[in-house]
PDB file of N, CA and C in Angstrom:
ATOM      1  N   MET A   1     -14.692   4.606  -6.398  1.00  0.00           N
ATOM      2  CA  MET A   1     -13.337   4.079  -6.495  1.00  0.00           C
ATOM      3  C   MET A   1     -13.112   3.098  -5.358  1.00  0.00           C
ATOM      4  N   GLY A   2     -12.601   1.951  -5.665  1.00  0.00           N
ATOM      5  CA  GLY A   2     -12.284   0.964  -4.651  1.00  0.00           C
ATOM      6  C   GLY A   2     -10.786   0.795  -4.537  1.00  0.00           C
ATOM      7  N   ALA A   3     -10.378   0.096  -3.500  1.00  0.00           N
ATOM      8  CA  ALA A   3      -8.964  -0.156  -3.303  1.00  0.00           C
ATOM      9  C   ALA A   3      -8.801  -1.556  -2.741  1.00  0.00           C
ATOM     10  N   LYS A   4      -7.656  -2.161  -3.006  1.00  0.00           N
ATOM     11  CA  LYS A   4      -7.357  -3.491  -2.514  1.00  0.00           C
ATOM     12  C   LYS A   4      -6.114  -3.411  -1.632  1.00  0.00           C
ATOM     13  N   VAL A   5      -6.217  -3.951  -0.430  1.00  0.00           N
ATOM     14  CA  VAL A   5      -5.063  -3.984   0.478  1.00  0.00           C
ATOM     15  C   VAL A   5      -4.140  -5.103   0.010  1.00  0.00           C
ATOM     16  N   LEU A   6      -2.911  -4.740  -0.317  1.00  0.00           N
ATOM     17  CA  LEU A   6      -1.943  -5.727  -0.773  1.00  0.00           C
ATOM     18  C   LEU A   6      -1.144  -6.316   0.379  1.00  0.00           C
ATOM     19  N   GLU A   7      -0.832  -5.484   1.374  1.00  0.00           N
ATOM     20  CA  GLU A   7       0.019  -5.922   2.478  1.00  0.00           C
ATOM     21  C   GLU A   7      -0.205  -5.026   3.683  1.00  0.00           C
ATOM     22  N   ARG A   8       0.005  -5.585   4.882  1.00  0.00           N
ATOM     23  CA  ARG A   8      -0.097  -4.847   6.147  1.00  0.00           C
ATOM     24  C   ARG A   8       1.243  -4.907   6.861  1.00  0.00           C
ATOM     25  N   PHE A   9       1.623  -3.791   7.472  1.00  0.00           N
ATOM     26  CA  PHE A   9       2.857  -3.736   8.234  1.00  0.00           C
ATOM     27  C   PHE A   9       2.580  -3.080   9.579  1.00  0.00           C
ATOM     28  N   PRO A  10       3.011  -3.673  10.682  1.00  0.00           N
ATOM     29  CA  PRO A  10       2.780  -3.065  11.992  1.00  0.00           C
ATOM     30  C   PRO A  10       3.460  -1.700  12.081  1.00  0.00           C
ATOM     31  N   ALA A  11       2.829  -0.794  12.787  1.00  0.00           N
ATOM     32  CA  ALA A  11       3.371   0.558  12.903  1.00  0.00           C
ATOM     33  C   ALA A  11       4.616   0.603  13.787  1.00  0.00           C
ATOM     34  N   GLY A  12       4.880  -0.426  14.546  1.00  0.00           N
ATOM     35  CA  GLY A  12       6.006  -0.424  15.479  1.00  0.00           C
ATOM     36  C   GLY A  12       7.309  -0.923  14.898  1.00  0.00           C
ATOM     37  N   ALA A  13       7.594  -0.623  13.661  1.00  0.00           N
ATOM     38  CA  ALA A  13       8.862  -1.040  13.054  1.00  0.00           C
ATOM     39  C   ALA A  13      10.026  -0.331  13.751  1.00  0.00           C
ATOM     40  N   PRO A  14      11.204  -0.930  13.730  1.00  0.00           N
ATOM     41  CA  PRO A  14      12.362  -0.286  14.363  1.00  0.00           C
ATOM     42  C   PRO A  14      12.624   1.102  13.785  1.00  0.00           C
ATOM     43  N   ARG A  15      13.163   1.981  14.589  1.00  0.00           N
ATOM     44  CA  ARG A  15      13.452   3.349  14.169  1.00  0.00           C
ATOM     45  C   ARG A  15      14.318   3.341  12.905  1.00  0.00           C
ATOM     46  N   GLY A  16      13.907   4.121  11.926  1.00  0.00           N
ATOM     47  CA  GLY A  16      14.645   4.213  10.674  1.00  0.00           C
ATOM     48  C   GLY A  16      14.265   3.140   9.664  1.00  0.00           C
ATOM     49  N   SER A  17      13.351   2.257  10.037  1.00  0.00           N
ATOM     50  CA  SER A  17      12.894   1.201   9.138  1.00  0.00           C
ATOM     51  C   SER A  17      11.516   1.569   8.600  1.00  0.00           C
ATOM     52  N   TRP A  18      11.351   1.473   7.295  1.00  0.00           N
ATOM     53  CA  TRP A  18      10.088   1.821   6.650  1.00  0.00           C
ATOM     54  C   TRP A  18       9.649   0.680   5.744  1.00  0.00           C
ATOM     55  N   PRO A  19       9.288  -0.472   6.295  1.00  0.00           N
ATOM     56  CA  PRO A  19       8.977  -1.629   5.434  1.00  0.00           C
ATOM     57  C   PRO A  19       7.792  -1.406   4.494  1.00  0.00           C
ATOM     58  N   ALA A  20       6.779  -0.678   4.923  1.00  0.00           N
ATOM     59  CA  ALA A  20       5.632  -0.435   4.042  1.00  0.00           C
ATOM     60  C   ALA A  20       6.044   0.417   2.853  1.00  0.00           C
ATOM     61  N   GLU A  21       6.835   1.447   3.104  1.00  0.00           N
ATOM     62  CA  GLU A  21       7.299   2.311   2.015  1.00  0.00           C
ATOM     63  C   GLU A  21       8.223   1.560   1.061  1.00  0.00           C
ATOM     64  N   GLU A  22       9.069   0.694   1.612  1.00  0.00           N
ATOM     65  CA  GLU A  22       9.972  -0.088   0.774  1.00  0.00           C
ATOM     66  C   GLU A  22       9.191  -1.067  -0.103  1.00  0.00           C
ATOM     67  N   TYR A  23       8.187  -1.710   0.467  1.00  0.00           N
ATOM     68  CA  TYR A  23       7.341  -2.632  -0.290  1.00  0.00           C
ATOM     69  C   TYR A  23       6.597  -1.882  -1.389  1.00  0.00           C
ATOM     70  N   ALA A  24       6.048  -0.718  -1.037  1.00  0.00           N
ATOM     71  CA  ALA A  24       5.318   0.080  -2.020  1.00  0.00           C
ATOM     72  C   ALA A  24       6.240   0.535  -3.149  1.00  0.00           C
ATOM     73  N   ALA A  25       7.457   0.920  -2.821  1.00  0.00           N
ATOM     74  CA  ALA A  25       8.408   1.358  -3.848  1.00  0.00           C
ATOM     75  C   ALA A  25       8.703   0.228  -4.827  1.00  0.00           C
ATOM     76  N   ALA A  26       8.827  -0.985  -4.321  1.00  0.00           N
ATOM     77  CA  ALA A  26       9.084  -2.128  -5.197  1.00  0.00           C
ATOM     78  C   ALA A  26       7.888  -2.383  -6.114  1.00  0.00           C
ATOM     79  N   ARG A  27       6.673  -2.240  -5.586  1.00  0.00           N
ATOM     80  CA  ARG A  27       5.474  -2.433  -6.407  1.00  0.00           C
ATOM     81  C   ARG A  27       5.363  -1.335  -7.467  1.00  0.00           C
ATOM     82  N   ARG A  28       5.705  -0.097  -7.078  1.00  0.00           N
ATOM     83  CA  ARG A  28       5.675   1.003  -8.054  1.00  0.00           C
ATOM     84  C   ARG A  28       6.687   0.766  -9.163  1.00  0.00           C
ATOM     85  N   ALA A  29       7.862   0.259  -8.792  1.00  0.00           N
ATOM     86  CA  ALA A  29       8.895  -0.027  -9.793  1.00  0.00           C
ATOM     87  C   ALA A  29       8.417  -1.094 -10.776  1.00  0.00           C
ATOM     88  N   ALA A  30       7.502  -1.946 -10.314  1.00  0.00           N
ATOM     89  CA  ALA A  30       6.926  -2.985 -11.179  1.00  0.00           C
ATOM     90  C   ALA A  30       5.740  -2.457 -11.981  1.00  0.00           C
ATOM     91  N   GLY A  31       5.436  -1.157 -11.834  1.00  0.00           N
ATOM     92  CA  GLY A  31       4.393  -0.542 -12.644  1.00  0.00           C
ATOM     93  C   GLY A  31       3.016  -0.472 -12.001  1.00  0.00           C
ATOM     94  N   GLU A  32       2.911  -0.824 -10.743  1.00  0.00           N
ATOM     95  CA  GLU A  32       1.614  -0.774 -10.070  1.00  0.00           C
ATOM     96  C   GLU A  32       1.399   0.601  -9.435  1.00  0.00           C
ATOM     97  N   ARG A  33       0.139   1.006  -9.360  1.00  0.00           N
ATOM     98  CA  ARG A  33      -0.224   2.268  -8.716  1.00  0.00           C
ATOM     99  C   ARG A  33      -0.643   1.944  -7.287  1.00  0.00           C
ATOM    100  N   VAL A  34       0.265   2.161  -6.346  1.00  0.00           N
ATOM    101  CA  VAL A  34      -0.001   1.850  -4.945  1.00  0.00           C
ATOM    102  C   VAL A  34       0.303   3.063  -4.076  1.00  0.00           C
ATOM    103  N   THR A  35      -0.258   3.043  -2.884  1.00  0.00           N
ATOM    104  CA  THR A  35       0.020   4.078  -1.902  1.00  0.00           C
ATOM    105  C   THR A  35       0.044   3.436  -0.525  1.00  0.00           C
ATOM    106  N   VAL A  36       0.656   4.125   0.425  1.00  0.00           N
ATOM    107  CA  VAL A  36       0.707   3.656   1.806  1.00  0.00           C
ATOM    108  C   VAL A  36      -0.228   4.533   2.626  1.00  0.00           C
ATOM    109  N   VAL A  37      -1.073   3.894   3.407  1.00  0.00           N
ATOM    110  CA  VAL A  37      -1.988   4.612   4.291  1.00  0.00           C
ATOM    111  C   VAL A  37      -1.869   4.033   5.693  1.00  0.00           C
ATOM    112  N   MET A  38      -2.226   4.841   6.683  1.00  0.00           N
ATOM    113  CA  MET A  38      -2.201   4.404   8.071  1.00  0.00           C
ATOM    114  C   MET A  38      -3.606   4.005   8.492  1.00  0.00           C
ATOM    115  N   ASP A  39      -3.737   2.810   9.044  1.00  0.00           N
ATOM    116  CA  ASP A  39      -5.000   2.360   9.621  1.00  0.00           C
ATOM    117  C   ASP A  39      -4.877   2.542  11.130  1.00  0.00           C
ATOM    118  N   LEU A  40      -5.458   3.623  11.634  1.00  0.00           N
ATOM    119  CA  LEU A  40      -5.330   3.942  13.056  1.00  0.00           C
ATOM    120  C   LEU A  40      -5.976   2.882  13.942  1.00  0.00           C
ATOM    121  N   LYS A  41      -7.061   2.307  13.482  1.00  0.00           N
ATOM    122  CA  LYS A  41      -7.780   1.323  14.288  1.00  0.00           C
ATOM    123  C   LYS A  41      -6.917   0.095  14.586  1.00  0.00           C
ATOM    124  N   SER A  42      -6.168  -0.358  13.594  1.00  0.00           N
ATOM    125  CA  SER A  42      -5.326  -1.544  13.786  1.00  0.00           C
ATOM    126  C   SER A  42      -3.858  -1.192  14.037  1.00  0.00           C
ATOM    127  N   ASP A  43      -3.526   0.099  14.047  1.00  0.00           N
ATOM    128  CA  ASP A  43      -2.156   0.576  14.254  1.00  0.00           C
ATOM    129  C   ASP A  43      -1.193  -0.098  13.271  1.00  0.00           C
ATOM    130  N   ALA A  44      -1.568  -0.022  11.990  1.00  0.00           N
ATOM    131  CA  ALA A  44      -0.759  -0.640  10.945  1.00  0.00           C
ATOM    132  C   ALA A  44      -0.737   0.243   9.707  1.00  0.00           C
ATOM    133  N   PHE A  45       0.339   0.105   8.942  1.00  0.00           N
ATOM    134  CA  PHE A  45       0.430   0.753   7.642  1.00  0.00           C
ATOM    135  C   PHE A  45      -0.060  -0.242   6.601  1.00  0.00           C
ATOM    136  N   LEU A  46      -0.902   0.225   5.689  1.00  0.00           N
ATOM    137  CA  LEU A  46      -1.447  -0.615   4.635  1.00  0.00           C
ATOM    138  C   LEU A  46      -0.921  -0.152   3.290  1.00  0.00           C
ATOM    139  N   VAL A  47      -0.503  -1.089   2.471  1.00  0.00           N
ATOM    140  CA  VAL A  47      -0.140  -0.775   1.092  1.00  0.00           C
ATOM    141  C   VAL A  47      -1.364  -1.145   0.266  1.00  0.00           C
ATOM    142  N   VAL A  48      -1.947  -0.147  -0.381  1.00  0.00           N
ATOM    143  CA  VAL A  48      -3.173  -0.372  -1.139  1.00  0.00           C
ATOM    144  C   VAL A  48      -2.969  -0.038  -2.608  1.00  0.00           C
ATOM    145  N   ALA A  49      -3.664  -0.802  -3.443  1.00  0.00           N
ATOM    146  CA  ALA A  49      -3.643  -0.579  -4.889  1.00  0.00           C
ATOM    147  C   ALA A  49      -5.024  -0.111  -5.299  1.00  0.00           C
ATOM    148  N   GLU A  50      -5.071   0.803  -6.231  1.00  0.00           N
ATOM    149  CA  GLU A  50      -6.351   1.256  -6.772  1.00  0.00           C
ATOM    150  C   GLU A  50      -7.009   0.113  -7.522  1.00  0.00           C
ATOM    151  N   ALA A  51      -8.311  -0.021  -7.350  1.00  0.00           N
ATOM    152  CA  ALA A  51      -9.054  -1.030  -8.096  1.00  0.00           C
ATOM    153  C   ALA A  51      -9.133  -0.603  -9.554  1.00  0.00           C
ATOM    154  N   GLU A  52      -9.075  -1.576 -10.436  1.00  0.00           N
ATOM    155  CA  GLU A  52      -9.169  -1.277 -11.863  1.00  0.00           C
ATOM    156  C   GLU A  52     -10.624  -1.258 -12.295  1.00  0.00           C
ATOM    157  N   ASP A  53     -10.925  -0.394 -13.265  1.00  0.00           N
ATOM    158  CA  ASP A  53     -12.252  -0.356 -13.848  1.00  0.00           C
ATOM    159  C   ASP A  53     -12.453  -1.609 -14.698  1.00  0.00           C
ATOM    160  N   ASP A  54     -13.671  -1.803 -15.185  1.00  0.00           N
ATOM    161  CA  ASP A  54     -13.967  -2.955 -16.028  1.00  0.00           C
ATOM    162  C   ASP A  54     -13.143  -2.973 -17.304  1.00  0.00           C
ATOM    163  N   ASP A  55     -12.718  -1.782 -17.759  1.00  0.00           N
ATOM    164  CA  ASP A  55     -11.929  -1.719 -18.995  1.00  0.00           C
ATOM    165  C   ASP A  55     -10.428  -1.841 -18.734  1.00  0.00           C
ATOM    166  N   GLY A  56     -10.041  -2.141 -17.450  1.00  0.00           N
ATOM    167  CA  GLY A  56      -8.644  -2.385 -17.137  1.00  0.00           C
ATOM    168  C   GLY A  56      -7.870  -1.165 -16.706  1.00  0.00           C
ATOM    169  N   ARG A  57      -8.542  -0.003 -16.629  1.00  0.00           N
ATOM    170  CA  ARG A  57      -7.829   1.206 -16.217  1.00  0.00           C
ATOM    171  C   ARG A  57      -7.958   1.383 -14.714  1.00  0.00           C
ATOM    172  N   SER A  58      -6.954   2.010 -14.102  1.00  0.00           N
ATOM    173  CA  SER A  58      -7.023   2.351 -12.688  1.00  0.00           C
ATOM    174  C   SER A  58      -7.810   3.618 -12.524  1.00  0.00           C
ATOM    175  N   GLY A  59      -8.412   3.760 -11.343  1.00  0.00           N
ATOM    176  CA  GLY A  59      -9.070   5.029 -11.035  1.00  0.00           C
ATOM    177  C   GLY A  59     -10.478   4.919 -11.043  1.00  0.00           C
TER     178      GLY A  59
END
C-alpha cells in the first residue's frame, strides 16, 4: 500500500488551531480517503491519501 502526501502543516500552529485536520475534513467531504499523520523528523502534520490500485480502488 502506498500513500501520497497532499499537504504539510507545521506542528507549531496556534493553540486551538488544527489546520491539518480542517484540510483533511474538507478533502473527506469531497469524497477522498485521507488521514492526518505526524512526521516527527520534520515536526509537521501530513495529510496523506491512500494510493489507488490499478483498477481505481483505494487500499
